[in-house]
């Protein structure tokens, strides 16, 4: 999960990082910065559950 408006970690760096991690996927969230808004917790939980299912 990466915020498309992250001022600390450039969003352009995310695809390169994902490419280096076997099985990784990228969920780029429009309008999100470096924080994790509470409204996105269900989305984050879904992402974590998907990774656990594939493990």
C-alpha atoms as a PDB file:
ATOM      1  CA  UNK A   1       0.000   0.000   0.000  1.00  0.00           C
ATOM      2  CA  UNK A   2       1.479   3.319  -1.057  1.00  0.00           C
ATOM      3  CA  UNK A   3      -0.020   6.786  -1.078  1.00  0.00           C
ATOM      4  CA  UNK A   4      -0.035   8.374  -4.509  1.00  0.00           C
ATOM      5  CA  UNK A   5       0.586  11.750  -2.830  1.00  0.00           C
ATOM      6  CA  UNK A   6       3.293  10.571  -0.395  1.00  0.00           C
ATOM      7  CA  UNK A   7       5.710  13.493   0.192  1.00  0.00           C
ATOM      8  CA  UNK A   8       8.319  11.345   2.012  1.00  0.00           C
ATOM      9  CA  UNK A   9       8.663   8.242  -0.176  1.00  0.00           C
ATOM     10  CA  UNK A  10       8.250   9.052  -3.860  1.00  0.00           C
ATOM     11  CA  UNK A  11       5.387   7.047  -5.392  1.00  0.00           C
ATOM     12  CA  UNK A  12       7.552   6.541  -8.485  1.00  0.00           C
ATOM     13  CA  UNK A  13       9.869   4.356  -6.364  1.00  0.00           C
ATOM     14  CA  UNK A  14       7.117   1.900  -5.436  1.00  0.00           C
ATOM     15  CA  UNK A  15       7.017  -0.148  -8.665  1.00  0.00           C
ATOM     16  CA  UNK A  16      10.785  -0.717  -8.508  1.00  0.00           C
ATOM     17  CA  UNK A  17      10.543  -1.977  -4.930  1.00  0.00           C
ATOM     18  CA  UNK A  18       7.604  -4.249  -5.774  1.00  0.00           C
ATOM     19  CA  UNK A  19       9.557  -5.704  -8.706  1.00  0.00           C
ATOM     20  CA  UNK A  20      12.338  -6.737  -6.309  1.00  0.00           C
ATOM     21  CA  UNK A  21      10.047  -8.619  -3.905  1.00  0.00           C
ATOM     22  CA  UNK A  22       8.858 -11.987  -5.190  1.00  0.00           C
ATOM     23  CA  UNK A  23       5.072 -12.173  -5.207  1.00  0.00           C
ATOM     24  CA  UNK A  24       4.608  -8.551  -4.161  1.00  0.00           C
ATOM     25  CA  UNK A  25       1.758  -6.447  -5.483  1.00  0.00           C
ATOM     26  CA  UNK A  26       1.242  -2.703  -5.376  1.00  0.00           C
ATOM     27  CA  UNK A  27      -1.885  -0.970  -4.109  1.00  0.00           C
ATOM     28  CA  UNK A  28      -1.385   2.719  -4.955  1.00  0.00           C
ATOM     29  CA  UNK A  29      -4.021   4.788  -3.122  1.00  0.00           C
ATOM     30  CA  UNK A  30      -5.052   8.022  -4.870  1.00  0.00           C
ATOM     31  CA  UNK A  31      -5.111  11.057  -2.589  1.00  0.00           C
ATOM     32  CA  UNK A  32      -3.226   9.329   0.260  1.00  0.00           C
ATOM     33  CA  UNK A  33       0.019  10.770   1.588  1.00  0.00           C
ATOM     34  CA  UNK A  34       2.475   9.060   3.950  1.00  0.00           C
ATOM     35  CA  UNK A  35      -0.163   8.490   6.622  1.00  0.00           C
ATOM     36  CA  UNK A  36      -2.699   5.660   6.791  1.00  0.00           C
ATOM     37  CA  UNK A  37      -6.194   7.094   7.173  1.00  0.00           C
ATOM     38  CA  UNK A  38      -8.479   5.065   9.442  1.00  0.00           C
ATOM     39  CA  UNK A  39     -10.977   4.754   6.601  1.00  0.00           C
ATOM     40  CA  UNK A  40      -8.429   2.628   4.724  1.00  0.00           C
ATOM     41  CA  UNK A  41      -7.960   0.041   7.489  1.00  0.00           C
ATOM     42  CA  UNK A  42     -10.407  -2.424   5.866  1.00  0.00           C
ATOM     43  CA  UNK A  43      -8.492  -2.133   2.577  1.00  0.00           C
ATOM     44  CA  UNK A  44      -5.204  -2.716   4.386  1.00  0.00           C
ATOM     45  CA  UNK A  45      -6.675  -5.713   6.217  1.00  0.00           C
ATOM     46  CA  UNK A  46      -7.825  -7.166   2.883  1.00  0.00           C
ATOM     47  CA  UNK A  47      -4.307  -6.748   1.481  1.00  0.00           C
ATOM     48  CA  UNK A  48      -2.762  -8.471   4.506  1.00  0.00           C
ATOM     49  CA  UNK A  49      -5.289 -11.315   4.303  1.00  0.00           C
ATOM     50  CA  UNK A  50      -4.482 -11.827   0.611  1.00  0.00           C
ATOM     51  CA  UNK A  51      -0.757 -12.071   1.357  1.00  0.00           C
ATOM     52  CA  UNK A  52      -1.484 -14.577   4.142  1.00  0.00           C
ATOM     53  CA  UNK A  53      -3.620 -16.693   1.789  1.00  0.00           C
ATOM     54  CA  UNK A  54      -0.769 -16.878  -0.716  1.00  0.00           C
ATOM     55  CA  UNK A  55       1.819 -17.809   1.933  1.00  0.00           C
END
